[in-house]
C-alpha atoms as a PDB file:
ATOM      1  CA  MET A   1       0.000   0.000   0.000  1.00  0.00           C
ATOM      2  CA  ALA A   2       2.957   2.323   0.634  1.00  0.00           C
ATOM      3  CA  ASP A   3       3.610   2.389  -3.122  1.00  0.00           C
ATOM      4  CA  ILE A   4       0.454   4.436  -3.788  1.00  0.00           C
ATOM      5  CA  CYS A   5       0.867   6.883  -0.903  1.00  0.00           C
ATOM      6  CA  TYR A   6       2.408  10.041  -2.342  1.00  0.00           C
ATOM      7  CA  ASN A   7       1.816  12.784   0.213  1.00  0.00           C
ATOM      8  CA  PRO A   8       3.524  12.225   3.588  1.00  0.00           C
ATOM      9  CA  SER A   9       1.335  14.894   5.248  1.00  0.00           C
ATOM     10  CA  VAL A  10      -1.852  12.876   4.528  1.00  0.00           C
ATOM     11  CA  SER A  11      -2.392   9.394   5.937  1.00  0.00           C
ATOM     12  CA  CYS A  12      -2.007   6.563   3.484  1.00  0.00           C
ATOM     13  CA  HIS A  13      -5.533   5.362   4.335  1.00  0.00           C
ATOM     14  CA  ALA A  14      -6.968   8.790   3.423  1.00  0.00           C
ATOM     15  CA  GLN A  15      -5.020   8.819   0.152  1.00  0.00           C
ATOM     16  CA  VAL A  16      -6.369   5.380  -0.811  1.00  0.00           C
ATOM     17  CA  HIS A  17      -9.911   6.587  -0.036  1.00  0.00           C
ATOM     18  CA  ILE A  18      -9.392   9.657  -2.214  1.00  0.00           C
ATOM     19  CA  LEU A  19      -8.095   7.485  -5.070  1.00  0.00           C
ATOM     20  CA  LYS A  20     -11.222   5.320  -4.827  1.00  0.00           C
ATOM     21  CA  ILE A  21     -13.403   8.434  -5.088  1.00  0.00           C
ATOM     22  CA  TYR A  22     -11.547   9.578  -8.217  1.00  0.00           C
ATOM     23  CA  THR A  23     -12.262   6.254  -9.906  1.00  0.00           C
ATOM     24  CA  MET A  24     -16.027   6.751  -9.457  1.00  0.00           C
ATOM     25  CA  ALA A  25     -18.207   8.409 -12.072  1.00  0.00           C
ATOM     26  CA  VAL A  26     -21.278  10.584 -11.614  1.00  0.00           C
ATOM     27  CA  ASN A  27     -24.136  10.918 -14.084  1.00  0.00           C
ATOM     28  CA  LYS A  28     -26.659  13.234 -12.419  1.00  0.00           C
ATOM     29  CA  VAL A  29     -28.942  15.806 -14.024  1.00  0.00           C
ATOM     30  CA  ILE A  30     -31.157  18.274 -12.147  1.00  0.00           C
ATOM     31  CA  LEU A  31     -33.585  20.387 -14.167  1.00  0.00           C
ATOM     32  CA  LEU A  32     -36.314  22.884 -13.372  1.00  0.00           C
ATOM     33  CA  GLY A  33     -38.370  23.886 -16.381  1.00  0.00           C
ATOM     34  CA  ASN A  34     -41.605  23.961 -18.334  1.00  0.00           C
ATOM     35  CA  VAL A  35     -43.083  21.058 -20.288  1.00  0.00           C
ATOM     36  CA  GLY A  36     -43.191  21.919 -24.001  1.00  0.00           C
ATOM     37  CA  ARG A  37     -46.026  19.597 -25.111  1.00  0.00           C
ATOM     38  CA  GLU A  38     -48.392  17.004 -23.714  1.00  0.00           C
ATOM     39  CA  PRO A  39     -46.344  13.961 -22.629  1.00  0.00           C
ATOM     40  CA  ASP A  40     -46.355  11.028 -25.032  1.00  0.00           C
ATOM     41  CA  VAL A  41     -47.192   7.982 -22.887  1.00  0.00           C
ATOM     42  CA  ARG A  42     -46.893   4.470 -24.297  1.00  0.00           C
ATOM     43  CA  HIS A  43     -48.274   1.354 -22.586  1.00  0.00           C
ATOM     44  CA  MET A  44     -46.416  -1.631 -24.001  1.00  0.00           C
ATOM     45  CA  ASP A  45     -47.618  -5.195 -24.385  1.00  0.00           C
ATOM     46  CA  ASP A  46     -45.121  -6.417 -21.775  1.00  0.00           C
ATOM     47  CA  GLY A  47     -46.610  -4.079 -19.135  1.00  0.00           C
ATOM     48  CA  ASN A  48     -43.901  -1.407 -19.311  1.00  0.00           C
ATOM     49  CA  VAL A  49     -44.960   2.248 -19.420  1.00  0.00           C
ATOM     50  CA  CYS A  50     -42.841   4.975 -21.005  1.00  0.00           C
ATOM     51  CA  ALA A  51     -43.465   8.735 -21.003  1.00  0.00           C
ATOM     52  CA  SER A  52     -41.520  11.298 -23.011  1.00  0.00           C
ATOM     53  CA  PHE A  53     -41.755  15.047 -23.478  1.00  0.00           C
ATOM     54  CA  PRO A  54     -39.581  18.100 -24.154  1.00  0.00           C
ATOM     55  CA  LEU A  55     -38.635  20.317 -21.215  1.00  0.00           C
ATOM     56  CA  ALA A  56     -37.518  23.943 -21.624  1.00  0.00           C
ATOM     57  CA  THR A  57     -35.018  25.576 -19.293  1.00  0.00           C
ATOM     58  CA  SER A  58     -34.067  29.219 -19.694  1.00  0.00           C
ATOM     59  CA  GLU A  59     -31.190  31.447 -18.713  1.00  0.00           C
ATOM     60  CA  ARG A  60     -32.344  34.977 -18.007  1.00  0.00           C
ATOM     61  CA  ALA A  61     -31.364  37.894 -20.181  1.00  0.00           C
ATOM     62  CA  TYR A  62     -28.724  40.176 -18.725  1.00  0.00           C
ATOM     63  CA  ARG A  63     -26.593  43.201 -19.495  1.00  0.00           C
ATOM     64  CA  LYS A  64     -22.805  42.935 -19.656  1.00  0.00           C
ATOM     65  CA  ARG A  65     -20.601  45.563 -18.005  1.00  0.00           C
ATOM     66  CA  THR A  66     -20.040  46.969 -21.470  1.00  0.00           C
ATOM     67  CA  GLY A  67     -23.780  47.647 -21.725  1.00  0.00           C
ATOM     68  CA  GLU A  68     -24.334  44.914 -24.304  1.00  0.00           C
ATOM     69  CA  GLU A  69     -27.645  43.095 -23.868  1.00  0.00           C
ATOM     70  CA  VAL A  70     -27.467  39.292 -23.790  1.00  0.00           C
ATOM     71  CA  PRO A  71     -30.886  37.830 -24.659  1.00  0.00           C
ATOM     72  CA  GLU A  72     -32.638  35.054 -22.775  1.00  0.00           C
ATOM     73  CA  LYS A  73     -31.495  31.602 -23.920  1.00  0.00           C
ATOM     74  CA  THR A  74     -33.809  28.603 -23.879  1.00  0.00           C
ATOM     75  CA  GLU A  75     -32.488  25.061 -23.981  1.00  0.00           C
ATOM     76  CA  TRP A  76     -34.753  22.099 -24.848  1.00  0.00           C
ATOM     77  CA  HIS A  77     -34.195  18.717 -23.193  1.00  0.00           C
ATOM     78  CA  ASN A  78     -35.586  15.317 -24.221  1.00  0.00           C
ATOM     79  CA  ILE A  79     -37.152  13.741 -21.120  1.00  0.00           C
ATOM     80  CA  VAL A  80     -37.903  10.012 -20.756  1.00  0.00           C
ATOM     81  CA  ALA A  81     -39.488   8.228 -17.779  1.00  0.00           C
ATOM     82  CA  TRP A  82     -40.448   4.617 -17.167  1.00  0.00           C
ATOM     83  CA  GLN A  83     -42.865   2.641 -15.013  1.00  0.00           C
ATOM     84  CA  GLY A  84     -44.247   4.353 -11.874  1.00  0.00           C
ATOM     85  CA  VAL A  85     -42.679   7.702 -12.732  1.00  0.00           C
ATOM     86  CA  ALA A  86     -44.198   7.514 -16.234  1.00  0.00           C
ATOM     87  CA  GLU A  87     -47.614   6.696 -14.766  1.00  0.00           C
ATOM     88  CA  ARG A  88     -47.421   9.744 -12.460  1.00  0.00           C
ATOM     89  CA  ILE A  89     -46.417  11.907 -15.423  1.00  0.00           C
ATOM     90  CA  GLU A  90     -49.421  10.606 -17.352  1.00  0.00           C
ATOM     91  CA  ARG A  91     -51.747  11.639 -14.487  1.00  0.00           C
ATOM     92  CA  GLN A  92     -50.160  14.918 -13.452  1.00  0.00           C
ATOM     93  CA  VAL A  93     -48.051  16.573 -16.146  1.00  0.00           C
ATOM     94  CA  HIS A  94     -49.385  18.669 -19.027  1.00  0.00           C
ATOM     95  CA  LYS A  95     -48.041  21.151 -21.543  1.00  0.00           C
ATOM     96  CA  GLY A  96     -46.909  24.211 -19.597  1.00  0.00           C
ATOM     97  CA  SER A  97     -46.422  22.399 -16.260  1.00  0.00           C
ATOM     98  CA  LEU A  98     -43.473  23.559 -14.183  1.00  0.00           C
ATOM     99  CA  VAL A  99     -41.515  20.498 -13.045  1.00  0.00           C
ATOM    100  CA  TYR A 100     -38.395  19.766 -11.042  1.00  0.00           C
ATOM    101  CA  LEU A 101     -36.698  16.527 -12.018  1.00  0.00           C
ATOM    102  CA  GLU A 102     -33.608  14.508 -11.297  1.00  0.00           C
ATOM    103  CA  GLY A 103     -32.207  11.862 -13.569  1.00  0.00           C
ATOM    104  CA  LYS A 104     -29.282  10.773 -15.689  1.00  0.00           C
ATOM    105  CA  LEU A 105     -28.058  11.382 -19.234  1.00  0.00           C
ATOM    106  CA  ARG A 106     -28.429   8.613 -21.779  1.00  0.00           C
ATOM    107  CA  THR A 107     -27.362   8.786 -25.415  1.00  0.00           C
ATOM    108  CA  ARG A 108     -28.671   6.371 -27.989  1.00  0.00           C
ATOM    109  CA  GLN A 109     -27.825   5.930 -31.619  1.00  0.00           C
ATOM    110  CA  TRP A 110     -29.391   4.318 -34.652  1.00  0.00           C
ATOM    111  CA  THR A 111     -28.774   4.033 -38.347  1.00  0.00           C
ATOM    112  CA  ASP A 112     -31.576   4.947 -40.742  1.00  0.00           C
ATOM    113  CA  GLN A 113     -32.450   3.321 -44.073  1.00  0.00           C
ATOM    114  CA  ASN A 114     -29.989   5.653 -45.866  1.00  0.00           C
ATOM    115  CA  ASN A 115     -27.208   4.345 -43.621  1.00  0.00           C
ATOM    116  CA  THR A 116     -26.973   7.676 -41.778  1.00  0.00           C
ATOM    117  CA  ARG A 117     -26.085   7.400 -38.123  1.00  0.00           C
ATOM    118  CA  HIS A 118     -28.223   9.464 -35.711  1.00  0.00           C
ATOM    119  CA  TYR A 119     -27.679  10.290 -32.037  1.00  0.00           C
ATOM    120  CA  VAL A 120     -30.060  11.605 -29.407  1.00  0.00           C
ATOM    121  CA  THR A 121     -29.300  12.525 -25.808  1.00  0.00           C
ATOM    122  CA  GLU A 122     -32.121  12.109 -23.300  1.00  0.00           C
ATOM    123  CA  ILE A 123     -32.612  12.624 -19.588  1.00  0.00           C
ATOM    124  CA  PHE A 124     -33.938   9.458 -17.928  1.00  0.00           C
ATOM    125  CA  VAL A 125     -35.993  10.601 -14.932  1.00  0.00           C
ATOM    126  CA  ASP A 126     -35.355   9.023 -11.535  1.00  0.00           C
ATOM    127  CA  GLN A 127     -37.732  11.342  -9.660  1.00  0.00           C
ATOM    128  CA  PHE A 128     -39.757  14.469 -10.264  1.00  0.00           C
ATOM    129  CA  GLU A 129     -41.941  17.023  -8.517  1.00  0.00           C
ATOM    130  CA  LEU A 130     -44.802  18.845 -10.192  1.00  0.00           C
ATOM    131  CA  LEU A 131     -44.490  22.448  -8.999  1.00  0.00           C
ATOM    132  CA  LYS A 132     -47.249  24.180 -10.989  1.00  0.00           C
ATOM    133  CA  ASN A 133     -49.889  22.972 -13.358  1.00  0.00           C
ATOM    134  CA  PRO A 134     -50.486  24.915 -16.619  1.00  0.00           C
ATOM    135  CA  THR A 135     -53.163  27.105 -15.004  1.00  0.00           C
ATOM    136  CA  GLY A 136     -50.548  28.499 -12.634  1.00  0.00           C
ATOM    137  CA  LEU A 137     -52.137  26.987  -9.532  1.00  0.00           C
ATOM    138  CA  PRO A 138     -49.975  24.890  -7.187  1.00  0.00           C
ATOM    139  CA  ALA A 139     -49.862  21.199  -8.006  1.00  0.00           C
ATOM    140  CA  GLU A 140     -52.573  19.254  -6.156  1.00  0.00           C
ATOM    141  CA  GLU A 141     -51.383  15.685  -6.644  1.00  0.00           C
ATOM    142  CA  ASN A 142     -47.750  16.551  -5.998  1.00  0.00           C
ATOM    143  CA  HIS A 143     -46.917  13.698  -3.626  1.00  0.00           C
ATOM    144  CA  SER A 144     -48.047  10.154  -4.126  1.00  0.00           C
ATOM    145  CA  ASP A 145     -47.946   6.860  -2.277  1.00  0.00           C
ATOM    146  CA  ASP A 146     -45.896   5.050  -4.910  1.00  0.00           C
ATOM    147  CA  ASN A 147     -42.118   4.835  -4.700  1.00  0.00           C
ATOM    148  CA  SER A 148     -41.401   7.117  -7.659  1.00  0.00           C
ATOM    149  CA  ILE A 149     -40.296   9.948  -5.385  1.00  0.00           C
ATOM    150  CA  ILE A 150     -37.145   9.228  -3.423  1.00  0.00           C
END
């Protein structure tokens, strides 16, 4: 173990722990935004449920020190949810809803009939909170008994 301990001012045990942390990877996305269209919910023959929709997040406009105006910038994200989370989305989420979600990035690829390769990056939802429905009123069915909220 002494071979991997480089800093004499830090215990070897602490250095090994730090090295283990550096070998880990994190894939975590947190978004707060507005749903761009009614969620597309598919109930599959095998019992799986999948919901997908676009989510808009925006950076506010601002003025630089030079006086130059920087306009608001909206980014669109492809959101995908499965099973219990997808069922909650089907019941609660509509175009214009304000949602908070946590998930992970996934990229998939496919080749079309013209042999062109396509890529799409999506956020797979682990949990979400409905903050406002499209009417602007607070979400009524925000918390549920299922295990889709951690």
